Amino acid sequence: GGMLTNLEGQLKQQNAADKLDQVLAEIPRVREDLGFIPLVTPTSQIVGTQAVLNVLTGERYKTIAKETAGILKGEYGHTPVPVNAALQARVLEGGAPVTCRPADLLKPELAELEADV
């Protein structure tokens, strides 16, 4: 499927195709840390990319992808179970997670755009 093909491609680009089994073993751990988020686009790619980063850097979450941080911050909505609290605190840097519908935080733009027309 798409996720596996992307993982293979990412690993080949890094000359690390031999690490596929390690990445496949890391995926369920990342998914658990991210609140058992469903593996559907785009979150399947986010989980897969973070698993690749964890394996290639040799340290879990040494590098946290921007999109992974977004899930931990609540920018992708609620997860089925709470995300890993330590990782969430790390990316929030003292801030608060998004607890409402993320789009509700956007300022209205229609009136301004209509005025520009």
PDB file of N, CA and C in Angstrom:
ATOM      1  N   GLY A   1       0.816  -1.196   0.000  1.00  0.00           N
ATOM      2  CA  GLY A   1       0.000   0.000   0.000  1.00  0.00           C
ATOM      3  C   GLY A   1       0.852   1.249   0.000  1.00  0.00           C
ATOM      4  N   GLY A   2       0.240   2.403   0.069  1.00  0.00           N
ATOM      5  CA  GLY A   2       0.921   3.691   0.017  1.00  0.00           C
ATOM      6  C   GLY A   2       1.909   3.907   1.140  1.00  0.00           C
ATOM      7  N   MET A   3       1.542   3.517   2.347  1.00  0.00           N
ATOM      8  CA  MET A   3       2.422   3.740   3.491  1.00  0.00           C
ATOM      9  C   MET A   3       3.719   2.947   3.340  1.00  0.00           C
ATOM     10  N   LEU A   4       3.612   1.702   2.970  1.00  0.00           N
ATOM     11  CA  LEU A   4       4.794   0.851   2.823  1.00  0.00           C
ATOM     12  C   LEU A   4       5.701   1.366   1.705  1.00  0.00           C
ATOM     13  N   THR A   5       5.103   1.762   0.600  1.00  0.00           N
ATOM     14  CA  THR A   5       5.877   2.297  -0.522  1.00  0.00           C
ATOM     15  C   THR A   5       6.630   3.553  -0.100  1.00  0.00           C
ATOM     16  N   ASN A   6       5.961   4.437   0.643  1.00  0.00           N
ATOM     17  CA  ASN A   6       6.615   5.661   1.116  1.00  0.00           C
ATOM     18  C   ASN A   6       7.763   5.348   2.073  1.00  0.00           C
ATOM     19  N   LEU A   7       7.544   4.390   2.972  1.00  0.00           N
ATOM     20  CA  LEU A   7       8.607   4.004   3.909  1.00  0.00           C
ATOM     21  C   LEU A   7       9.826   3.479   3.159  1.00  0.00           C
ATOM     22  N   GLU A   8       9.577   2.607   2.198  1.00  0.00           N
ATOM     23  CA  GLU A   8      10.681   2.050   1.411  1.00  0.00           C
ATOM     24  C   GLU A   8      11.434   3.159   0.682  1.00  0.00           C
ATOM     25  N   GLY A   9      10.690   4.106   0.124  1.00  0.00           N
ATOM     26  CA  GLY A   9      11.311   5.225  -0.583  1.00  0.00           C
ATOM     27  C   GLY A   9      12.140   6.104   0.337  1.00  0.00           C
ATOM     28  N   GLN A  10      11.607   6.412   1.515  1.00  0.00           N
ATOM     29  CA  GLN A  10      12.350   7.232   2.480  1.00  0.00           C
ATOM     30  C   GLN A  10      13.648   6.544   2.889  1.00  0.00           C
ATOM     31  N   LEU A  11      13.563   5.251   3.141  1.00  0.00           N
ATOM     32  CA  LEU A  11      14.751   4.509   3.565  1.00  0.00           C
ATOM     33  C   LEU A  11      15.780   4.402   2.443  1.00  0.00           C
ATOM     34  N   LYS A  12      15.328   4.184   1.205  1.00  0.00           N
ATOM     35  CA  LYS A  12      16.257   4.111   0.071  1.00  0.00           C
ATOM     36  C   LYS A  12      16.992   5.438  -0.101  1.00  0.00           C
ATOM     37  N   GLN A  13      16.269   6.559   0.051  1.00  0.00           N
ATOM     38  CA  GLN A  13      16.896   7.878  -0.086  1.00  0.00           C
ATOM     39  C   GLN A  13      18.016   8.070   0.932  1.00  0.00           C
ATOM     40  N   GLN A  14      17.882   7.436   2.072  1.00  0.00           N
ATOM     41  CA  GLN A  14      18.880   7.565   3.136  1.00  0.00           C
ATOM     42  C   GLN A  14      19.880   6.401   3.136  1.00  0.00           C
ATOM     43  N   ASN A  15      19.866   5.605   2.070  1.00  0.00           N
ATOM     44  CA  ASN A  15      20.722   4.412   1.984  1.00  0.00           C
ATOM     45  C   ASN A  15      20.550   3.521   3.209  1.00  0.00           C
ATOM     46  N   ALA A  16      19.294   3.350   3.618  1.00  0.00           N
ATOM     47  CA  ALA A  16      19.000   2.582   4.832  1.00  0.00           C
ATOM     48  C   ALA A  16      17.878   1.577   4.594  1.00  0.00           C
ATOM     49  N   ALA A  17      17.796   1.038   3.378  1.00  0.00           N
ATOM     50  CA  ALA A  17      16.730   0.084   3.052  1.00  0.00           C
ATOM     51  C   ALA A  17      16.758  -1.125   3.981  1.00  0.00           C
ATOM     52  N   ASP A  18      17.927  -1.430   4.533  1.00  0.00           N
ATOM     53  CA  ASP A  18      18.061  -2.570   5.446  1.00  0.00           C
ATOM     54  C   ASP A  18      17.389  -2.328   6.801  1.00  0.00           C
ATOM     55  N   LYS A  19      16.920  -1.120   7.054  1.00  0.00           N
ATOM     56  CA  LYS A  19      16.294  -0.769   8.340  1.00  0.00           C
ATOM     57  C   LYS A  19      14.773  -0.934   8.318  1.00  0.00           C
ATOM     58  N   LEU A  20      14.214  -1.437   7.221  1.00  0.00           N
ATOM     59  CA  LEU A  20      12.756  -1.521   7.091  1.00  0.00           C
ATOM     60  C   LEU A  20      12.119  -2.300   8.240  1.00  0.00           C
ATOM     61  N   ASP A  21      12.680  -3.429   8.612  1.00  0.00           N
ATOM     62  CA  ASP A  21      12.088  -4.221   9.697  1.00  0.00           C
ATOM     63  C   ASP A  21      12.071  -3.448  11.013  1.00  0.00           C
ATOM     64  N   GLN A  22      13.125  -2.682  11.286  1.00  0.00           N
ATOM     65  CA  GLN A  22      13.158  -1.866  12.505  1.00  0.00           C
ATOM     66  C   GLN A  22      12.081  -0.788  12.467  1.00  0.00           C
ATOM     67  N   VAL A  23      11.902  -0.174  11.299  1.00  0.00           N
ATOM     68  CA  VAL A  23      10.876   0.861  11.150  1.00  0.00           C
ATOM     69  C   VAL A  23       9.489   0.251  11.337  1.00  0.00           C
ATOM     70  N   LEU A  24       9.260  -0.910  10.735  1.00  0.00           N
ATOM     71  CA  LEU A  24       7.954  -1.565  10.882  1.00  0.00           C
ATOM     72  C   LEU A  24       7.675  -1.917  12.343  1.00  0.00           C
ATOM     73  N   ALA A  25       8.703  -2.253  13.102  1.00  0.00           N
ATOM     74  CA  ALA A  25       8.530  -2.538  14.529  1.00  0.00           C
ATOM     75  C   ALA A  25       8.287  -1.259  15.329  1.00  0.00           C
ATOM     76  N   GLU A  26       8.812  -0.141  14.847  1.00  0.00           N
ATOM     77  CA  GLU A  26       8.672   1.142  15.546  1.00  0.00           C
ATOM     78  C   GLU A  26       7.300   1.770  15.318  1.00  0.00           C
ATOM     79  N   ILE A  27       6.657   1.487  14.199  1.00  0.00           N
ATOM     80  CA  ILE A  27       5.371   2.113  13.866  1.00  0.00           C
ATOM     81  C   ILE A  27       4.328   1.945  14.973  1.00  0.00           C
ATOM     82  N   PRO A  28       4.078   0.747  15.508  1.00  0.00           N
ATOM     83  CA  PRO A  28       3.059   0.642  16.560  1.00  0.00           C
ATOM     84  C   PRO A  28       3.424   1.410  17.829  1.00  0.00           C
ATOM     85  N   ARG A  29       4.710   1.548  18.101  1.00  0.00           N
ATOM     86  CA  ARG A  29       5.126   2.320  19.283  1.00  0.00           C
ATOM     87  C   ARG A  29       4.852   3.808  19.077  1.00  0.00           C
ATOM     88  N   VAL A  30       5.156   4.307  17.878  1.00  0.00           N
ATOM     89  CA  VAL A  30       4.867   5.711  17.564  1.00  0.00           C
ATOM     90  C   VAL A  30       3.359   5.941  17.608  1.00  0.00           C
ATOM     91  N   ARG A  31       2.623   5.032  17.029  1.00  0.00           N
ATOM     92  CA  ARG A  31       1.164   5.170  17.005  1.00  0.00           C
ATOM     93  C   ARG A  31       0.606   5.239  18.424  1.00  0.00           C
ATOM     94  N   GLU A  32       1.128   4.412  19.320  1.00  0.00           N
ATOM     95  CA  GLU A  32       0.689   4.459  20.721  1.00  0.00           C
ATOM     96  C   GLU A  32       1.018   5.815  21.338  1.00  0.00           C
ATOM     97  N   ASP A  33       2.235   6.324  21.095  1.00  0.00           N
ATOM     98  CA  ASP A  33       2.633   7.632  21.626  1.00  0.00           C
ATOM     99  C   ASP A  33       1.735   8.746  21.111  1.00  0.00           C
ATOM    100  N   LEU A  34       1.206   8.564  19.912  1.00  0.00           N
ATOM    101  CA  LEU A  34       0.343   9.581  19.299  1.00  0.00           C
ATOM    102  C   LEU A  34      -1.136   9.279  19.526  1.00  0.00           C
ATOM    103  N   GLY A  35      -1.459   8.576  20.584  1.00  0.00           N
ATOM    104  CA  GLY A  35      -2.854   8.372  20.969  1.00  0.00           C
ATOM    105  C   GLY A  35      -3.597   7.368  20.114  1.00  0.00           C
ATOM    106  N   PHE A  36      -2.879   6.391  19.565  1.00  0.00           N
ATOM    107  CA  PHE A  36      -3.488   5.376  18.689  1.00  0.00           C
ATOM    108  C   PHE A  36      -4.286   6.019  17.555  1.00  0.00           C
ATOM    109  N   ILE A  37      -3.691   7.053  16.982  1.00  0.00           N
ATOM    110  CA  ILE A  37      -4.321   7.756  15.864  1.00  0.00           C
ATOM    111  C   ILE A  37      -4.525   6.767  14.707  1.00  0.00           C
ATOM    112  N   PRO A  38      -5.641   6.862  13.992  1.00  0.00           N
ATOM    113  CA  PRO A  38      -5.887   5.933  12.877  1.00  0.00           C
ATOM    114  C   PRO A  38      -4.813   6.066  11.791  1.00  0.00           C
ATOM    115  N   LEU A  39      -4.458   4.959  11.187  1.00  0.00           N
ATOM    116  CA  LEU A  39      -3.450   4.974  10.124  1.00  0.00           C
ATOM    117  C   LEU A  39      -4.115   5.182   8.769  1.00  0.00           C
ATOM    118  N   VAL A  40      -4.594   6.395   8.561  1.00  0.00           N
ATOM    119  CA  VAL A  40      -5.170   6.821   7.283  1.00  0.00           C
ATOM    120  C   VAL A  40      -4.471   8.124   6.894  1.00  0.00           C
ATOM    121  N   THR A  41      -4.460   8.423   5.608  1.00  0.00           N
ATOM    122  CA  THR A  41      -3.814   9.647   5.148  1.00  0.00           C
ATOM    123  C   THR A  41      -4.478  10.854   5.802  1.00  0.00           C
ATOM    124  N   PRO A  42      -3.747  11.819   6.328  1.00  0.00           N
ATOM    125  CA  PRO A  42      -2.292  11.972   6.312  1.00  0.00           C
ATOM    126  C   PRO A  42      -1.585  11.361   7.527  1.00  0.00           C
ATOM    127  N   THR A  43      -2.349  10.914   8.513  1.00  0.00           N
ATOM    128  CA  THR A  43      -1.703  10.488   9.759  1.00  0.00           C
ATOM    129  C   THR A  43      -0.857   9.227   9.590  1.00  0.00           C
ATOM    130  N   SER A  44      -1.186   8.375   8.636  1.00  0.00           N
ATOM    131  CA  SER A  44      -0.343   7.194   8.410  1.00  0.00           C
ATOM    132  C   SER A  44       1.049   7.620   7.964  1.00  0.00           C
ATOM    133  N   GLN A  45       1.122   8.649   7.124  1.00  0.00           N
ATOM    134  CA  GLN A  45       2.420   9.137   6.658  1.00  0.00           C
ATOM    135  C   GLN A  45       3.188   9.804   7.795  1.00  0.00           C
ATOM    136  N   ILE A  46       2.481  10.494   8.675  1.00  0.00           N
ATOM    137  CA  ILE A  46       3.128  11.151   9.818  1.00  0.00           C
ATOM    138  C   ILE A  46       3.737  10.104  10.744  1.00  0.00           C
ATOM    139  N   VAL A  47       2.963   9.080  11.066  1.00  0.00           N
ATOM    140  CA  VAL A  47       3.453   8.005  11.936  1.00  0.00           C
ATOM    141  C   VAL A  47       4.648   7.311  11.285  1.00  0.00           C
ATOM    142  N   GLY A  48       4.541   7.005   9.997  1.00  0.00           N
ATOM    143  CA  GLY A  48       5.627   6.334   9.291  1.00  0.00           C
ATOM    144  C   GLY A  48       6.893   7.167   9.247  1.00  0.00           C
ATOM    145  N   THR A  49       6.755   8.442   8.943  1.00  0.00           N
ATOM    146  CA  THR A  49       7.919   9.326   8.888  1.00  0.00           C
ATOM    147  C   THR A  49       8.589   9.431  10.251  1.00  0.00           C
ATOM    148  N   GLN A  50       7.787   9.543  11.316  1.00  0.00           N
ATOM    149  CA  GLN A  50       8.378   9.628  12.654  1.00  0.00           C
ATOM    150  C   GLN A  50       9.083   8.327  13.016  1.00  0.00           C
ATOM    151  N   ALA A  51       8.520   7.204  12.620  1.00  0.00           N
ATOM    152  CA  ALA A  51       9.178   5.916  12.873  1.00  0.00           C
ATOM    153  C   ALA A  51      10.524   5.854  12.156  1.00  0.00           C
ATOM    154  N   VAL A  52      10.571   6.332  10.914  1.00  0.00           N
ATOM    155  CA  VAL A  52      11.834   6.378  10.165  1.00  0.00           C
ATOM    156  C   VAL A  52      12.840   7.265  10.898  1.00  0.00           C
ATOM    157  N   LEU A  53      12.414   8.445  11.323  1.00  0.00           N
ATOM    158  CA  LEU A  53      13.318   9.347  12.050  1.00  0.00           C
ATOM    159  C   LEU A  53      13.847   8.693  13.322  1.00  0.00           C
ATOM    160  N   ASN A  54      12.960   8.039  14.060  1.00  0.00           N
ATOM    161  CA  ASN A  54      13.378   7.393  15.308  1.00  0.00           C
ATOM    162  C   ASN A  54      14.446   6.334  15.058  1.00  0.00           C
ATOM    163  N   VAL A  55      14.261   5.550  13.998  1.00  0.00           N
ATOM    164  CA  VAL A  55      15.220   4.480  13.695  1.00  0.00           C
ATOM    165  C   VAL A  55      16.528   5.061  13.155  1.00  0.00           C
ATOM    166  N   LEU A  56      16.436   5.995  12.216  1.00  0.00           N
ATOM    167  CA  LEU A  56      17.651   6.509  11.578  1.00  0.00           C
ATOM    168  C   LEU A  56      18.506   7.352  12.514  1.00  0.00           C
ATOM    169  N   THR A  57      17.886   8.068  13.452  1.00  0.00           N
ATOM    170  CA  THR A  57      18.678   8.880  14.388  1.00  0.00           C
ATOM    171  C   THR A  57      19.235   8.036  15.526  1.00  0.00           C
ATOM    172  N   GLY A  58      18.697   6.823  15.689  1.00  0.00           N
ATOM    173  CA  GLY A  58      19.182   5.945  16.743  1.00  0.00           C
ATOM    174  C   GLY A  58      18.639   6.281  18.115  1.00  0.00           C
ATOM    175  N   GLU A  59      17.748   7.264  18.169  1.00  0.00           N
ATOM    176  CA  GLU A  59      17.160   7.682  19.450  1.00  0.00           C
ATOM    177  C   GLU A  59      15.714   8.089  19.206  1.00  0.00           C
ATOM    178  N   ARG A  60      14.804   7.505  19.977  1.00  0.00           N
ATOM    179  CA  ARG A  60      13.391   7.824  19.786  1.00  0.00           C
ATOM    180  C   ARG A  60      13.145   9.307  20.067  1.00  0.00           C
ATOM    181  N   TYR A  61      12.552   9.978  19.112  1.00  0.00           N
ATOM    182  CA  TYR A  61      12.147  11.376  19.211  1.00  0.00           C
ATOM    183  C   TYR A  61      13.314  12.337  19.423  1.00  0.00           C
ATOM    184  N   LYS A  62      14.513  11.944  18.990  1.00  0.00           N
ATOM    185  CA  LYS A  62      15.627  12.905  18.978  1.00  0.00           C
ATOM    186  C   LYS A  62      15.227  14.062  18.070  1.00  0.00           C
ATOM    187  N   THR A  63      14.600  13.711  16.960  1.00  0.00           N
ATOM    188  CA  THR A  63      14.026  14.687  16.032  1.00  0.00           C
ATOM    189  C   THR A  63      12.530  14.424  15.975  1.00  0.00           C
ATOM    190  N   ILE A  64      11.740  15.463  16.207  1.00  0.00           N
ATOM    191  CA  ILE A  64      10.282  15.337  16.118  1.00  0.00           C
ATOM    192  C   ILE A  64       9.830  16.116  14.890  1.00  0.00           C
ATOM    193  N   ALA A  65       9.220  15.409  13.949  1.00  0.00           N
ATOM    194  CA  ALA A  65       8.729  16.053  12.729  1.00  0.00           C
ATOM    195  C   ALA A  65       7.661  17.093  13.078  1.00  0.00           C
ATOM    196  N   LYS A  66       7.594  18.144  12.275  1.00  0.00           N
ATOM    197  CA  LYS A  66       6.610  19.213  12.495  1.00  0.00           C
ATOM    198  C   LYS A  66       5.192  18.645  12.584  1.00  0.00           C
ATOM    199  N   GLU A  67       4.877  17.705  11.709  1.00  0.00           N
ATOM    200  CA  GLU A  67       3.530  17.125  11.701  1.00  0.00           C
ATOM    201  C   GLU A  67       3.279  16.269  12.942  1.00  0.00           C
ATOM    202  N   THR A  68       4.308  15.565  13.420  1.00  0.00           N
ATOM    203  CA  THR A  68       4.179  14.797  14.660  1.00  0.00           C
ATOM    204  C   THR A  68       3.887  15.750  15.813  1.00  0.00           C
ATOM    205  N   ALA A  69       4.609  16.858  15.848  1.00  0.00           N
ATOM    206  CA  ALA A  69       4.371  17.870  16.880  1.00  0.00           C
ATOM    207  C   ALA A  69       2.936  18.381  16.789  1.00  0.00           C
ATOM    208  N   GLY A  70       2.423  18.534  15.570  1.00  0.00           N
ATOM    209  CA  GLY A  70       1.045  18.986  15.388  1.00  0.00           C
ATOM    210  C   GLY A  70       0.039  18.038  16.015  1.00  0.00           C
ATOM    211  N   ILE A  71       0.256  16.741  15.850  1.00  0.00           N
ATOM    212  CA  ILE A  71      -0.639  15.762  16.481  1.00  0.00           C
ATOM    213  C   ILE A  71      -0.545  15.888  17.995  1.00  0.00           C
ATOM    214  N   LEU A  72       0.682  15.979  18.511  1.00  0.00           N
ATOM    215  CA  LEU A  72       0.880  16.085  19.958  1.00  0.00           C
ATOM    216  C   LEU A  72       0.261  17.361  20.524  1.00  0.00           C
ATOM    217  N   LYS A  73       0.223  18.425  19.723  1.00  0.00           N
ATOM    218  CA  LYS A  73      -0.352  19.702  20.163  1.00  0.00           C
ATOM    219  C   LYS A  73      -1.874  19.731  20.041  1.00  0.00           C
ATOM    220  N   GLY A  74      -2.452  18.749  19.356  1.00  0.00           N
ATOM    221  CA  GLY A  74      -3.895  18.732  19.173  1.00  0.00           C
ATOM    222  C   GLY A  74      -4.367  19.384  17.890  1.00  0.00           C
ATOM    223  N   GLU A  75      -3.449  19.737  17.007  1.00  0.00           N
ATOM    224  CA  GLU A  75      -3.803  20.430  15.768  1.00  0.00           C
ATOM    225  C   GLU A  75      -4.546  19.546  14.772  1.00  0.00           C
ATOM    226  N   TYR A  76      -4.509  18.238  14.986  1.00  0.00           N
ATOM    227  CA  TYR A  76      -5.215  17.308  14.104  1.00  0.00           C
ATOM    228  C   TYR A  76      -6.499  16.805  14.760  1.00  0.00           C
ATOM    229  N   GLY A  77      -6.913  17.430  15.847  1.00  0.00           N
ATOM    230  CA  GLY A  77      -8.123  17.015  16.548  1.00  0.00           C
ATOM    231  C   GLY A  77      -7.816  16.027  17.658  1.00  0.00           C
ATOM    232  N   HIS A  78      -8.875  15.499  18.237  1.00  0.00           N
ATOM    233  CA  HIS A  78      -8.740  14.562  19.356  1.00  0.00           C
ATOM    234  C   HIS A  78      -8.264  13.202  18.863  1.00  0.00           C
ATOM    235  N   THR A  79      -7.435  12.563  19.667  1.00  0.00           N
ATOM    236  CA  THR A  79      -6.980  11.207  19.370  1.00  0.00           C
ATOM    237  C   THR A  79      -7.821  10.224  20.179  1.00  0.00           C
ATOM    238  N   PRO A  80      -7.885   8.969  19.750  1.00  0.00           N
ATOM    239  CA  PRO A  80      -8.720   7.992  20.465  1.00  0.00           C
ATOM    240  C   PRO A  80      -8.391   7.862  21.953  1.00  0.00           C
ATOM    241  N   VAL A  81      -7.118   7.954  22.303  1.00  0.00           N
ATOM    242  CA  VAL A  81      -6.691   7.966  23.706  1.00  0.00           C
ATOM    243  C   VAL A  81      -5.681   9.106  23.846  1.00  0.00           C
ATOM    244  N   PRO A  82      -5.390   9.553  25.066  1.00  0.00           N
ATOM    245  CA  PRO A  82      -4.426  10.654  25.219  1.00  0.00           C
ATOM    246  C   PRO A  82      -3.053  10.312  24.634  1.00  0.00           C
ATOM    247  N   VAL A  83      -2.395  11.343  24.104  1.00  0.00           N
ATOM    248  CA  VAL A  83      -1.045  11.175  23.573  1.00  0.00           C
ATOM    249  C   VAL A  83      -0.053  11.061  24.729  1.00  0.00           C
ATOM    250  N   ASN A  84       1.173  10.667  24.424  1.00  0.00           N
ATOM    251  CA  ASN A  84       2.235  10.558  25.420  1.00  0.00           C
ATOM    252  C   ASN A  84       2.453  11.927  26.075  1.00  0.00           C
ATOM    253  N   ALA A  85       2.240  11.998  27.383  1.00  0.00           N
ATOM    254  CA  ALA A  85       2.274  13.277  28.102  1.00  0.00           C
ATOM    255  C   ALA A  85       3.649  13.937  28.061  1.00  0.00           C
ATOM    256  N   ALA A  86       4.718  13.158  28.176  1.00  0.00           N
ATOM    257  CA  ALA A  86       6.062  13.735  28.163  1.00  0.00           C
ATOM    258  C   ALA A  86       6.389  14.333  26.796  1.00  0.00           C
ATOM    259  N   LEU A  87       6.022  13.631  25.733  1.00  0.00           N
ATOM    260  CA  LEU A  87       6.253  14.168  24.386  1.00  0.00           C
ATOM    261  C   LEU A  87       5.412  15.413  24.154  1.00  0.00           C
ATOM    262  N   GLN A  88       4.168  15.384  24.623  1.00  0.00           N
ATOM    263  CA  GLN A  88       3.293  16.541  24.448  1.00  0.00           C
ATOM    264  C   GLN A  88       3.876  17.758  25.167  1.00  0.00           C
ATOM    265  N   ALA A  89       4.322  17.574  26.394  1.00  0.00           N
ATOM    266  CA  ALA A  89       4.905  18.687  27.153  1.00  0.00           C
ATOM    267  C   ALA A  89       6.137  19.238  26.437  1.00  0.00           C
ATOM    268  N   ARG A  90       6.914  18.350  25.854  1.00  0.00           N
ATOM    269  CA  ARG A  90       8.125  18.772  25.139  1.00  0.00           C
ATOM    270  C   ARG A  90       7.797  19.676  23.953  1.00  0.00           C
ATOM    271  N   VAL A  91       6.789  19.317  23.168  1.00  0.00           N
ATOM    272  CA  VAL A  91       6.470  20.134  21.986  1.00  0.00           C
ATOM    273  C   VAL A  91       5.653  21.372  22.346  1.00  0.00           C
ATOM    274  N   LEU A  92       4.902  21.323  23.436  1.00  0.00           N
ATOM    275  CA  LEU A  92       4.101  22.489  23.830  1.00  0.00           C
ATOM    276  C   LEU A  92       4.970  23.598  24.420  1.00  0.00           C
ATOM    277  N   GLU A  93       6.119  23.241  24.965  1.00  0.00           N
ATOM    278  CA  GLU A  93       7.045  24.227  25.541  1.00  0.00           C
ATOM    279  C   GLU A  93       6.329  25.195  26.472  1.00  0.00           C
ATOM    280  N   GLY A  94       5.503  24.666  27.365  1.00  0.00           N
ATOM    281  CA  GLY A  94       4.787  25.500  28.324  1.00  0.00           C
ATOM    282  C   GLY A  94       3.441  25.999  27.839  1.00  0.00           C
ATOM    283  N   GLY A  95       3.133  25.804  26.570  1.00  0.00           N
ATOM    284  CA  GLY A  95       1.849  26.232  26.023  1.00  0.00           C
ATOM    285  C   GLY A  95       0.756  25.223  26.323  1.00  0.00           C
ATOM    286  N   ALA A  96      -0.416  25.496  25.819  1.00  0.00           N
ATOM    287  CA  ALA A  96      -1.565  24.614  26.037  1.00  0.00           C
ATOM    288  C   ALA A  96      -1.924  23.898  24.739  1.00  0.00           C
ATOM    289  N   PRO A  97      -2.394  22.661  24.837  1.00  0.00           N
ATOM    290  CA  PRO A  97      -2.815  21.951  23.625  1.00  0.00           C
ATOM    291  C   PRO A  97      -4.125  22.520  23.081  1.00  0.00           C
ATOM    292  N   VAL A  98      -4.358  22.283  21.815  1.00  0.00           N
ATOM    293  CA  VAL A  98      -5.627  22.656  21.187  1.00  0.00           C
ATOM    294  C   VAL A  98      -6.676  21.664  21.680  1.00  0.00           C
ATOM    295  N   THR A  99      -7.740  22.176  22.280  1.00  0.00           N
ATOM    296  CA  THR A  99      -8.782  21.287  22.804  1.00  0.00           C
ATOM    297  C   THR A  99     -10.115  21.474  22.093  1.00  0.00           C
ATOM    298  N   CYS A 100     -10.181  22.482  21.225  1.00  0.00           N
ATOM    299  CA  CYS A 100     -11.408  22.716  20.463  1.00  0.00           C
ATOM    300  C   CYS A 100     -11.192  22.225  19.027  1.00  0.00           C
ATOM    301  N   ARG A 101     -12.179  22.456  18.196  1.00  0.00           N
ATOM    302  CA  ARG A 101     -12.020  22.168  16.770  1.00  0.00           C
ATOM    303  C   ARG A 101     -10.943  23.120  16.242  1.00  0.00           C
ATOM    304  N   PRO A 102      -9.822  22.608  15.711  1.00  0.00           N
ATOM    305  CA  PRO A 102      -8.716  23.483  15.326  1.00  0.00           C
ATOM    306  C   PRO A 102      -9.111  24.631  14.399  1.00  0.00           C
ATOM    307  N   ALA A 103     -10.040  24.416  13.493  1.00  0.00           N
ATOM    308  CA  ALA A 103     -10.450  25.483  12.569  1.00  0.00           C
ATOM    309  C   ALA A 103     -11.119  26.646  13.298  1.00  0.00           C
ATOM    310  N   ASP A 104     -11.646  26.396  14.498  1.00  0.00           N
ATOM    311  CA  ASP A 104     -12.279  27.474  15.260  1.00  0.00           C
ATOM    312  C   ASP A 104     -11.271  28.529  15.704  1.00  0.00           C
ATOM    313  N   LEU A 105      -9.997  28.223  15.644  1.00  0.00           N
ATOM    314  CA  LEU A 105      -8.958  29.161  16.058  1.00  0.00           C
ATOM    315  C   LEU A 105      -8.536  30.112  14.936  1.00  0.00           C
ATOM    316  N   LEU A 106      -9.020  29.861  13.722  1.00  0.00           N
ATOM    317  CA  LEU A 106      -8.688  30.731  12.596  1.00  0.00           C
ATOM    318  C   LEU A 106      -9.535  31.990  12.648  1.00  0.00           C
ATOM    319  N   LYS A 107      -8.914  33.133  12.321  1.00  0.00           N
ATOM    320  CA  LYS A 107      -9.699  34.366  12.312  1.00  0.00           C
ATOM    321  C   LYS A 107     -10.505  34.432  11.010  1.00  0.00           C
ATOM    322  N   PRO A 108     -11.703  35.009  11.083  1.00  0.00           N
ATOM    323  CA  PRO A 108     -12.526  35.130   9.870  1.00  0.00           C
ATOM    324  C   PRO A 108     -11.817  36.003   8.828  1.00  0.00           C
ATOM    325  N   GLU A 109     -11.845  35.578   7.578  1.00  0.00           N
ATOM    326  CA  GLU A 109     -11.159  36.314   6.515  1.00  0.00           C
ATOM    327  C   GLU A 109     -12.080  36.755   5.384  1.00  0.00           C
ATOM    328  N   LEU A 110     -13.304  36.228   5.339  1.00  0.00           N
ATOM    329  CA  LEU A 110     -14.165  36.477   4.187  1.00  0.00           C
ATOM    330  C   LEU A 110     -14.432  37.963   3.966  1.00  0.00           C
ATOM    331  N   ALA A 111     -14.800  38.696   5.005  1.00  0.00           N
ATOM    332  CA  ALA A 111     -15.116  40.120   4.843  1.00  0.00           C
ATOM    333  C   ALA A 111     -13.908  40.887   4.308  1.00  0.00           C
ATOM    334  N   GLU A 112     -12.744  40.585   4.814  1.00  0.00           N
ATOM    335  CA  GLU A 112     -11.522  41.247   4.362  1.00  0.00           C
ATOM    336  C   GLU A 112     -11.231  40.915   2.900  1.00  0.00           C
ATOM    337  N   LEU A 113     -11.420  39.661   2.524  1.00  0.00           N
ATOM    338  CA  LEU A 113     -11.182  39.255   1.140  1.00  0.00           C
ATOM    339  C   LEU A 113     -12.197  39.882   0.191  1.00  0.00           C
ATOM    340  N   GLU A 114     -13.454  39.964   0.633  1.00  0.00           N
ATOM    341  CA  GLU A 114     -14.487  40.599  -0.201  1.00  0.00           C
ATOM    342  C   GLU A 114     -14.175  42.076  -0.412  1.00  0.00           C
ATOM    343  N   ALA A 115     -13.648  42.728   0.607  1.00  0.00           N
ATOM    344  CA  ALA A 115     -13.308  44.145   0.500  1.00  0.00           C
ATOM    345  C   ALA A 115     -12.164  44.370  -0.485  1.00  0.00           C
ATOM    346  N   ASP A 116     -11.305  43.388  -0.617  1.00  0.00           N
ATOM    347  CA  ASP A 116     -10.173  43.500  -1.536  1.00  0.00           C
ATOM    348  C   ASP A 116     -10.576  43.306  -2.994  1.00  0.00           C
ATOM    349  N   VAL A 117     -11.778  42.754  -3.239  1.00  0.00           N
ATOM    350  CA  VAL A 117     -12.188  42.446  -4.611  1.00  0.00           C
ATOM    351  C   VAL A 117     -12.722  43.659  -5.317  1.00  0.00           C
TER     352      VAL A 117
END
